Amino acid sequence: MGYFDTIVIECPDCGNEIEYQSKSGDCTLKRMSLSRACAKGDEALFDINRHAPHVCDKCGKEWAVKVKMMAMATIVIASDYDEEDEED
């Protein structure tokens, strides 16, 4: 069994929560909502449309996720670096 991360996405029609596995990024078995993954710019998003089109198993609605990533960098002094900032 391989490692993966899980992104939980709500169906845009009925709100049913659907879990998608992603093998992009660190793959540390973390589970997060789509909004949290977007807020963190998590690399797990790169793999989310591998399953597209998504189909809700509750209402049958088909949809896809449009992922737009923006690069951002910050210089951090080594003595100020806190690895907990990287964890979710």
PDB file of N, CA and C in Angstrom:
ATOM      1  N   MET A   1       0.845  -1.177   0.000  1.00  0.00           N
ATOM      2  CA  MET A   1       0.000   0.000   0.000  1.00  0.00           C
ATOM      3  C   MET A   1       0.889   1.238   0.000  1.00  0.00           C
ATOM      4  N   GLY A   2       0.611   2.182  -0.887  1.00  0.00           N
ATOM      5  CA  GLY A   2       1.402   3.396  -0.970  1.00  0.00           C
ATOM      6  C   GLY A   2       0.826   4.502  -0.101  1.00  0.00           C
ATOM      7  N   TYR A   3       1.634   5.501   0.131  1.00  0.00           N
ATOM      8  CA  TYR A   3       1.196   6.670   0.892  1.00  0.00           C
ATOM      9  C   TYR A   3       0.480   7.640  -0.034  1.00  0.00           C
ATOM     10  N   PHE A   4      -0.439   8.385   0.519  1.00  0.00           N
ATOM     11  CA  PHE A   4      -1.192   9.372  -0.236  1.00  0.00           C
ATOM     12  C   PHE A   4      -1.708  10.421   0.735  1.00  0.00           C
ATOM     13  N   ASP A   5      -2.240  11.508   0.214  1.00  0.00           N
ATOM     14  CA  ASP A   5      -2.953  12.505   1.004  1.00  0.00           C
ATOM     15  C   ASP A   5      -4.401  12.488   0.528  1.00  0.00           C
ATOM     16  N   THR A   6      -5.304  12.923   1.374  1.00  0.00           N
ATOM     17  CA  THR A   6      -6.723  12.943   1.032  1.00  0.00           C
ATOM     18  C   THR A   6      -7.240  14.368   1.050  1.00  0.00           C
ATOM     19  N   ILE A   7      -7.938  14.739  -0.007  1.00  0.00           N
ATOM     20  CA  ILE A   7      -8.599  16.039  -0.074  1.00  0.00           C
ATOM     21  C   ILE A   7     -10.098  15.784  -0.096  1.00  0.00           C
ATOM     22  N   VAL A   8     -10.805  16.427   0.823  1.00  0.00           N
ATOM     23  CA  VAL A   8     -12.251  16.277   0.917  1.00  0.00           C
ATOM     24  C   VAL A   8     -12.904  17.429   0.167  1.00  0.00           C
ATOM     25  N   ILE A   9     -13.755  17.077  -0.794  1.00  0.00           N
ATOM     26  CA  ILE A   9     -14.414  18.076  -1.628  1.00  0.00           C
ATOM     27  C   ILE A   9     -15.917  17.914  -1.467  1.00  0.00           C
ATOM     28  N   GLU A  10     -16.614  19.030  -1.288  1.00  0.00           N
ATOM     29  CA  GLU A  10     -18.067  18.995  -1.198  1.00  0.00           C
ATOM     30  C   GLU A  10     -18.662  19.116  -2.601  1.00  0.00           C
ATOM     31  N   CYS A  11     -19.644  18.276  -2.895  1.00  0.00           N
ATOM     32  CA  CYS A  11     -20.355  18.359  -4.168  1.00  0.00           C
ATOM     33  C   CYS A  11     -20.990  19.746  -4.277  1.00  0.00           C
ATOM     34  N   PRO A  12     -20.817  20.428  -5.414  1.00  0.00           N
ATOM     35  CA  PRO A  12     -21.379  21.769  -5.560  1.00  0.00           C
ATOM     36  C   PRO A  12     -22.903  21.794  -5.602  1.00  0.00           C
ATOM     37  N   ASP A  13     -23.534  20.638  -5.832  1.00  0.00           N
ATOM     38  CA  ASP A  13     -24.999  20.582  -5.878  1.00  0.00           C
ATOM     39  C   ASP A  13     -25.618  20.241  -4.525  1.00  0.00           C
ATOM     40  N   CYS A  14     -25.172  19.135  -3.923  1.00  0.00           N
ATOM     41  CA  CYS A  14     -25.848  18.647  -2.712  1.00  0.00           C
ATOM     42  C   CYS A  14     -25.012  18.757  -1.442  1.00  0.00           C
ATOM     43  N   GLY A  15     -23.717  19.100  -1.555  1.00  0.00           N
ATOM     44  CA  GLY A  15     -22.870  19.251  -0.371  1.00  0.00           C
ATOM     45  C   GLY A  15     -22.303  17.953   0.165  1.00  0.00           C
ATOM     46  N   ASN A  16     -22.569  16.839  -0.495  1.00  0.00           N
ATOM     47  CA  ASN A  16     -22.030  15.548  -0.077  1.00  0.00           C
ATOM     48  C   ASN A  16     -20.500  15.604  -0.076  1.00  0.00           C
ATOM     49  N   GLU A  17     -19.880  15.139   1.003  1.00  0.00           N
ATOM     50  CA  GLU A  17     -18.421  15.142   1.085  1.00  0.00           C
ATOM     51  C   GLU A  17     -17.854  13.912   0.387  1.00  0.00           C
ATOM     52  N   ILE A  18     -16.926  14.163  -0.533  1.00  0.00           N
ATOM     53  CA  ILE A  18     -16.293  13.094  -1.294  1.00  0.00           C
ATOM     54  C   ILE A  18     -14.790  13.188  -1.055  1.00  0.00           C
ATOM     55  N   GLU A  19     -14.149  12.062  -0.773  1.00  0.00           N
ATOM     56  CA  GLU A  19     -12.716  12.037  -0.506  1.00  0.00           C
ATOM     57  C   GLU A  19     -11.955  11.595  -1.752  1.00  0.00           C
ATOM     58  N   TYR A  20     -10.909  12.340  -2.078  1.00  0.00           N
ATOM     59  CA  TYR A  20     -10.049  11.999  -3.204  1.00  0.00           C
ATOM     60  C   TYR A  20      -8.626  11.824  -2.723  1.00  0.00           C
ATOM     61  N   GLN A  21      -7.986  10.760  -3.175  1.00  0.00           N
ATOM     62  CA  GLN A  21      -6.598  10.521  -2.826  1.00  0.00           C
ATOM     63  C   GLN A  21      -5.695  11.212  -3.838  1.00  0.00           C
ATOM     64  N   SER A  22      -4.598  11.767  -3.333  1.00  0.00           N
ATOM     65  CA  SER A  22      -3.611  12.415  -4.178  1.00  0.00           C
ATOM     66  C   SER A  22      -2.239  11.828  -3.872  1.00  0.00           C
ATOM     67  N   LYS A  23      -1.479  11.569  -4.907  1.00  0.00           N
ATOM     68  CA  LYS A  23      -0.119  11.082  -4.722  1.00  0.00           C
ATOM     69  C   LYS A  23       0.905  12.163  -5.055  1.00  0.00           C
ATOM     70  N   SER A  24       0.450  13.417  -5.172  1.00  0.00           N
ATOM     71  CA  SER A  24       1.369  14.536  -5.398  1.00  0.00           C
ATOM     72  C   SER A  24       1.806  15.101  -4.058  1.00  0.00           C
ATOM     73  N   GLY A  25       2.996  15.630  -4.009  1.00  0.00           N
ATOM     74  CA  GLY A  25       3.485  16.258  -2.781  1.00  0.00           C
ATOM     75  C   GLY A  25       4.093  15.249  -1.824  1.00  0.00           C
ATOM     76  N   ASP A  26       4.035  15.581  -0.525  1.00  0.00           N
ATOM     77  CA  ASP A  26       4.696  14.780   0.506  1.00  0.00           C
ATOM     78  C   ASP A  26       4.065  13.409   0.739  1.00  0.00           C
ATOM     79  N   CYS A  27       2.767  13.274   0.528  1.00  0.00           N
ATOM     80  CA  CYS A  27       2.051  12.017   0.751  1.00  0.00           C
ATOM     81  C   CYS A  27       2.321  11.469   2.152  1.00  0.00           C
ATOM     82  N   THR A  28       1.861  12.206   3.138  1.00  0.00           N
ATOM     83  CA  THR A  28       2.072  11.840   4.541  1.00  0.00           C
ATOM     84  C   THR A  28       0.767  11.428   5.216  1.00  0.00           C
ATOM     85  N   LEU A  29      -0.189  10.979   4.437  1.00  0.00           N
ATOM     86  CA  LEU A  29      -1.487  10.506   4.925  1.00  0.00           C
ATOM     87  C   LEU A  29      -2.307  11.596   5.603  1.00  0.00           C
ATOM     88  N   LYS A  30      -2.066  12.858   5.218  1.00  0.00           N
ATOM     89  CA  LYS A  30      -2.875  13.938   5.802  1.00  0.00           C
ATOM     90  C   LYS A  30      -4.220  14.010   5.093  1.00  0.00           C
ATOM     91  N   ARG A  31      -5.215  14.523   5.809  1.00  0.00           N
ATOM     92  CA  ARG A  31      -6.575  14.683   5.286  1.00  0.00           C
ATOM     93  C   ARG A  31      -6.941  16.147   5.451  1.00  0.00           C
ATOM     94  N   MET A  32      -7.397  16.777   4.378  1.00  0.00           N
ATOM     95  CA  MET A  32      -7.731  18.197   4.468  1.00  0.00           C
ATOM     96  C   MET A  32      -8.869  18.528   3.524  1.00  0.00           C
ATOM     97  N   SER A  33      -9.555  19.606   3.820  1.00  0.00           N
ATOM     98  CA  SER A  33     -10.620  20.087   2.940  1.00  0.00           C
ATOM     99  C   SER A  33      -9.988  20.758   1.726  1.00  0.00           C
ATOM    100  N   LEU A  34     -10.780  20.925   0.685  1.00  0.00           N
ATOM    101  CA  LEU A  34     -10.301  21.618  -0.511  1.00  0.00           C
ATOM    102  C   LEU A  34      -9.888  23.046  -0.166  1.00  0.00           C
ATOM    103  N   SER A  35     -10.666  23.730   0.672  1.00  0.00           N
ATOM    104  CA  SER A  35     -10.331  25.112   1.025  1.00  0.00           C
ATOM    105  C   SER A  35      -9.024  25.185   1.806  1.00  0.00           C
ATOM    106  N   ARG A  36      -8.769  24.216   2.692  1.00  0.00           N
ATOM    107  CA  ARG A  36      -7.511  24.202   3.456  1.00  0.00           C
ATOM    108  C   ARG A  36      -6.326  23.921   2.536  1.00  0.00           C
ATOM    109  N   ALA A  37      -6.505  22.978   1.612  1.00  0.00           N
ATOM    110  CA  ALA A  37      -5.433  22.656   0.666  1.00  0.00           C
ATOM    111  C   ALA A  37      -5.094  23.875  -0.185  1.00  0.00           C
ATOM    112  N   CYS A  38      -6.126  24.630  -0.592  1.00  0.00           N
ATOM    113  CA  CYS A  38      -5.908  25.846  -1.387  1.00  0.00           C
ATOM    114  C   CYS A  38      -5.214  26.919  -0.564  1.00  0.00           C
ATOM    115  N   ALA A  39      -5.645  27.102   0.677  1.00  0.00           N
ATOM    116  CA  ALA A  39      -5.056  28.127   1.539  1.00  0.00           C
ATOM    117  C   ALA A  39      -3.580  27.859   1.786  1.00  0.00           C
ATOM    118  N   LYS A  40      -3.207  26.599   1.877  1.00  0.00           N
ATOM    119  CA  LYS A  40      -1.809  26.230   2.107  1.00  0.00           C
ATOM    120  C   LYS A  40      -1.013  26.095   0.812  1.00  0.00           C
ATOM    121  N   GLY A  41      -1.703  26.116  -0.333  1.00  0.00           N
ATOM    122  CA  GLY A  41      -1.005  25.883  -1.600  1.00  0.00           C
ATOM    123  C   GLY A  41      -0.419  24.483  -1.641  1.00  0.00           C
ATOM    124  N   ASP A  42      -1.121  23.539  -1.066  1.00  0.00           N
ATOM    125  CA  ASP A  42      -0.619  22.173  -0.925  1.00  0.00           C
ATOM    126  C   ASP A  42      -0.435  21.501  -2.283  1.00  0.00           C
ATOM    127  N   GLU A  43       0.679  20.806  -2.445  1.00  0.00           N
ATOM    128  CA  GLU A  43       0.992  20.134  -3.705  1.00  0.00           C
ATOM    129  C   GLU A  43       0.036  18.989  -4.017  1.00  0.00           C
ATOM    130  N   ALA A  44      -0.714  18.525  -3.040  1.00  0.00           N
ATOM    131  CA  ALA A  44      -1.701  17.465  -3.282  1.00  0.00           C
ATOM    132  C   ALA A  44      -2.727  17.904  -4.317  1.00  0.00           C
ATOM    133  N   LEU A  45      -2.913  19.201  -4.471  1.00  0.00           N
ATOM    134  CA  LEU A  45      -3.877  19.720  -5.447  1.00  0.00           C
ATOM    135  C   LEU A  45      -3.489  19.386  -6.888  1.00  0.00           C
ATOM    136  N   PHE A  46      -2.189  19.200  -7.145  1.00  0.00           N
ATOM    137  CA  PHE A  46      -1.740  18.941  -8.507  1.00  0.00           C
ATOM    138  C   PHE A  46      -2.333  17.656  -9.080  1.00  0.00           C
ATOM    139  N   ASP A  47      -2.727  16.750  -8.215  1.00  0.00           N
ATOM    140  CA  ASP A  47      -3.197  15.436  -8.653  1.00  0.00           C
ATOM    141  C   ASP A  47      -4.715  15.279  -8.550  1.00  0.00           C
ATOM    142  N   ILE A  48      -5.414  16.301  -8.099  1.00  0.00           N
ATOM    143  CA  ILE A  48      -6.835  16.169  -7.784  1.00  0.00           C
ATOM    144  C   ILE A  48      -7.702  15.895  -9.007  1.00  0.00           C
ATOM    145  N   ASN A  49      -7.337  16.364 -10.169  1.00  0.00           N
ATOM    146  CA  ASN A  49      -8.161  16.138 -11.361  1.00  0.00           C
ATOM    147  C   ASN A  49      -7.828  14.844 -12.093  1.00  0.00           C
ATOM    148  N   ARG A  50      -6.964  14.041 -11.503  1.00  0.00           N
ATOM    149  CA  ARG A  50      -6.682  12.715 -12.068  1.00  0.00           C
ATOM    150  C   ARG A  50      -7.980  11.907 -12.122  1.00  0.00           C
ATOM    151  N   HIS A  51      -8.907  12.220 -11.235  1.00  0.00           N
ATOM    152  CA  HIS A  51     -10.174  11.500 -11.148  1.00  0.00           C
ATOM    153  C   HIS A  51     -11.292  12.174 -11.945  1.00  0.00           C
ATOM    154  N   ALA A  52     -11.009  13.268 -12.623  1.00  0.00           N
ATOM    155  CA  ALA A  52     -12.049  14.060 -13.301  1.00  0.00           C
ATOM    156  C   ALA A  52     -12.591  13.322 -14.515  1.00  0.00           C
ATOM    157  N   PRO A  53     -13.857  13.511 -14.875  1.00  0.00           N
ATOM    158  CA  PRO A  53     -14.783  14.348 -14.126  1.00  0.00           C
ATOM    159  C   PRO A  53     -15.211  13.651 -12.841  1.00  0.00           C
ATOM    160  N   HIS A  54     -15.383  14.449 -11.800  1.00  0.00           N
ATOM    161  CA  HIS A  54     -15.849  13.913 -10.522  1.00  0.00           C
ATOM    162  C   HIS A  54     -17.347  13.679 -10.626  1.00  0.00           C
ATOM    163  N   VAL A  55     -17.829  12.625 -10.038  1.00  0.00           N
ATOM    164  CA  VAL A  55     -19.259  12.326 -10.032  1.00  0.00           C
ATOM    165  C   VAL A  55     -19.679  12.074  -8.589  1.00  0.00           C
ATOM    166  N   CYS A  56     -20.659  12.832  -8.134  1.00  0.00           N
ATOM    167  CA  CYS A  56     -21.167  12.672  -6.773  1.00  0.00           C
ATOM    168  C   CYS A  56     -21.945  11.362  -6.689  1.00  0.00           C
ATOM    169  N   ASP A  57     -21.597  10.541  -5.702  1.00  0.00           N
ATOM    170  CA  ASP A  57     -22.296   9.263  -5.554  1.00  0.00           C
ATOM    171  C   ASP A  57     -23.672   9.419  -4.907  1.00  0.00           C
ATOM    172  N   LYS A  58     -23.981  10.633  -4.452  1.00  0.00           N
ATOM    173  CA  LYS A  58     -25.289  10.878  -3.833  1.00  0.00           C
ATOM    174  C   LYS A  58     -26.301  11.438  -4.842  1.00  0.00           C
ATOM    175  N   CYS A  59     -25.899  12.469  -5.617  1.00  0.00           N
ATOM    176  CA  CYS A  59     -26.855  13.121  -6.528  1.00  0.00           C
ATOM    177  C   CYS A  59     -26.522  12.923  -8.012  1.00  0.00           C
ATOM    178  N   GLY A  60     -25.335  12.394  -8.325  1.00  0.00           N
ATOM    179  CA  GLY A  60     -24.960  12.132  -9.705  1.00  0.00           C
ATOM    180  C   GLY A  60     -24.392  13.315 -10.465  1.00  0.00           C
ATOM    181  N   LYS A  61     -24.227  14.467  -9.813  1.00  0.00           N
ATOM    182  CA  LYS A  61     -23.684  15.670 -10.460  1.00  0.00           C
ATOM    183  C   LYS A  61     -22.242  15.420 -10.896  1.00  0.00           C
ATOM    184  N   GLU A  62     -21.908  15.808 -12.126  1.00  0.00           N
ATOM    185  CA  GLU A  62     -20.534  15.726 -12.633  1.00  0.00           C
ATOM    186  C   GLU A  62     -19.899  17.104 -12.576  1.00  0.00           C
ATOM    187  N   TRP A  63     -18.632  17.175 -12.164  1.00  0.00           N
ATOM    188  CA  TRP A  63     -17.929  18.441 -12.052  1.00  0.00           C
ATOM    189  C   TRP A  63     -16.430  18.186 -12.000  1.00  0.00           C
ATOM    190  N   ALA A  64     -15.658  19.240 -12.126  1.00  0.00           N
ATOM    191  CA  ALA A  64     -14.194  19.165 -12.040  1.00  0.00           C
ATOM    192  C   ALA A  64     -13.715  20.310 -11.154  1.00  0.00           C
ATOM    193  N   VAL A  65     -12.491  20.208 -10.709  1.00  0.00           N
ATOM    194  CA  VAL A  65     -11.871  21.248  -9.891  1.00  0.00           C
ATOM    195  C   VAL A  65     -10.852  21.967 -10.757  1.00  0.00           C
ATOM    196  N   LYS A  66     -10.940  23.278 -10.829  1.00  0.00           N
ATOM    197  CA  LYS A  66      -9.968  24.067 -11.584  1.00  0.00           C
ATOM    198  C   LYS A  66      -8.919  24.557 -10.595  1.00  0.00           C
ATOM    199  N   VAL A  67      -7.694  24.083 -10.751  1.00  0.00           N
ATOM    200  CA  VAL A  67      -6.615  24.415  -9.829  1.00  0.00           C
ATOM    201  C   VAL A  67      -5.723  25.480 -10.451  1.00  0.00           C
ATOM    202  N   LYS A  68      -5.559  26.595  -9.739  1.00  0.00           N
ATOM    203  CA  LYS A  68      -4.645  27.652 -10.147  1.00  0.00           C
ATOM    204  C   LYS A  68      -3.696  27.876  -8.979  1.00  0.00           C
ATOM    205  N   MET A  69      -2.422  27.697  -9.218  1.00  0.00           N
ATOM    206  CA  MET A  69      -1.424  27.874  -8.157  1.00  0.00           C
ATOM    207  C   MET A  69      -0.624  29.142  -8.435  1.00  0.00           C
ATOM    208  N   MET A  70      -0.284  29.832  -7.359  1.00  0.00           N
ATOM    209  CA  MET A  70       0.515  31.042  -7.463  1.00  0.00           C
ATOM    210  C   MET A  70       1.786  30.830  -6.647  1.00  0.00           C
ATOM    211  N   ALA A  71       2.909  31.085  -7.249  1.00  0.00           N
ATOM    212  CA  ALA A  71       4.175  30.915  -6.542  1.00  0.00           C
ATOM    213  C   ALA A  71       4.397  32.057  -5.553  1.00  0.00           C
ATOM    214  N   MET A  72       4.921  31.705  -4.400  1.00  0.00           N
ATOM    215  CA  MET A  72       5.222  32.699  -3.378  1.00  0.00           C
ATOM    216  C   MET A  72       6.406  32.189  -2.573  1.00  0.00           C
ATOM    217  N   ALA A  73       7.313  33.048  -2.242  1.00  0.00           N
ATOM    218  CA  ALA A  73       8.485  32.650  -1.468  1.00  0.00           C
ATOM    219  C   ALA A  73       8.768  33.691  -0.397  1.00  0.00           C
ATOM    220  N   THR A  74       9.314  33.219   0.712  1.00  0.00           N
ATOM    221  CA  THR A  74       9.685  34.090   1.813  1.00  0.00           C
ATOM    222  C   THR A  74      11.067  33.683   2.293  1.00  0.00           C
ATOM    223  N   ILE A  75      11.923  34.656   2.537  1.00  0.00           N
ATOM    224  CA  ILE A  75      13.241  34.367   3.096  1.00  0.00           C
ATOM    225  C   ILE A  75      13.111  34.334   4.616  1.00  0.00           C
ATOM    226  N   VAL A  76      13.603  33.242   5.207  1.00  0.00           N
ATOM    227  CA  VAL A  76      13.513  33.064   6.653  1.00  0.00           C
ATOM    228  C   VAL A  76      14.914  32.828   7.194  1.00  0.00           C
ATOM    229  N   ILE A  77      15.272  33.565   8.217  1.00  0.00           N
ATOM    230  CA  ILE A  77      16.573  33.380   8.874  1.00  0.00           C
ATOM    231  C   ILE A  77      16.566  32.009   9.549  1.00  0.00           C
ATOM    232  N   ALA A  78      17.645  31.251   9.372  1.00  0.00           N
ATOM    233  CA  ALA A  78      17.697  29.878   9.865  1.00  0.00           C
ATOM    234  C   ALA A  78      17.331  29.766  11.344  1.00  0.00           C
ATOM    235  N   SER A  79      17.783  30.685  12.175  1.00  0.00           N
ATOM    236  CA  SER A  79      17.488  30.605  13.607  1.00  0.00           C
ATOM    237  C   SER A  79      16.018  30.873  13.916  1.00  0.00           C
ATOM    238  N   ASP A  80      15.299  31.494  12.962  1.00  0.00           N
ATOM    239  CA  ASP A  80      13.875  31.777  13.151  1.00  0.00           C
ATOM    240  C   ASP A  80      12.976  30.719  12.523  1.00  0.00           C
ATOM    241  N   TYR A  81      13.569  29.809  11.786  1.00  0.00           N
ATOM    242  CA  TYR A  81      12.787  28.811  11.060  1.00  0.00           C
ATOM    243  C   TYR A  81      12.159  27.828  12.045  1.00  0.00           C
ATOM    244  N   ASP A  82      10.889  27.594  11.887  1.00  0.00           N
ATOM    245  CA  ASP A  82      10.151  26.671  12.754  1.00  0.00           C
ATOM    246  C   ASP A  82       9.507  25.628  11.871  1.00  0.00           C
ATOM    247  N   GLU A  83       9.957  24.382  11.964  1.00  0.00           N
ATOM    248  CA  GLU A  83       9.425  23.323  11.112  1.00  0.00           C
ATOM    249  C   GLU A  83       7.940  23.099  11.336  1.00  0.00           C
ATOM    250  N   GLU A  84       7.391  23.514  12.456  1.00  0.00           N
ATOM    251  CA  GLU A  84       5.952  23.365  12.702  1.00  0.00           C
ATOM    252  C   GLU A  84       5.146  24.194  11.709  1.00  0.00           C
ATOM    253  N   ASP A  85       5.742  25.246  11.138  1.00  0.00           N
ATOM    254  CA  ASP A  85       5.061  26.047  10.119  1.00  0.00           C
ATOM    255  C   ASP A  85       4.751  25.217   8.889  1.00  0.00           C
ATOM    256  N   GLU A  86       5.514  24.151   8.664  1.00  0.00           N
ATOM    257  CA  GLU A  86       5.342  23.316   7.494  1.00  0.00           C
ATOM    258  C   GLU A  86       4.288  22.248   7.702  1.00  0.00           C
ATOM    259  N   GLU A  87       3.936  21.947   8.927  1.00  0.00           N
ATOM    260  CA  GLU A  87       2.988  20.880   9.219  1.00  0.00           C
ATOM    261  C   GLU A  87       1.564  21.381   9.151  1.00  0.00           C
ATOM    262  N   ASP A  88       0.649  20.454   8.915  1.00  0.00           N
ATOM    263  CA  ASP A  88      -0.780  20.764   8.910  1.00  0.00           C
ATOM    264  C   ASP A  88      -1.475  19.921   9.951  1.00  0.00           C
TER     265      ASP A  88
END
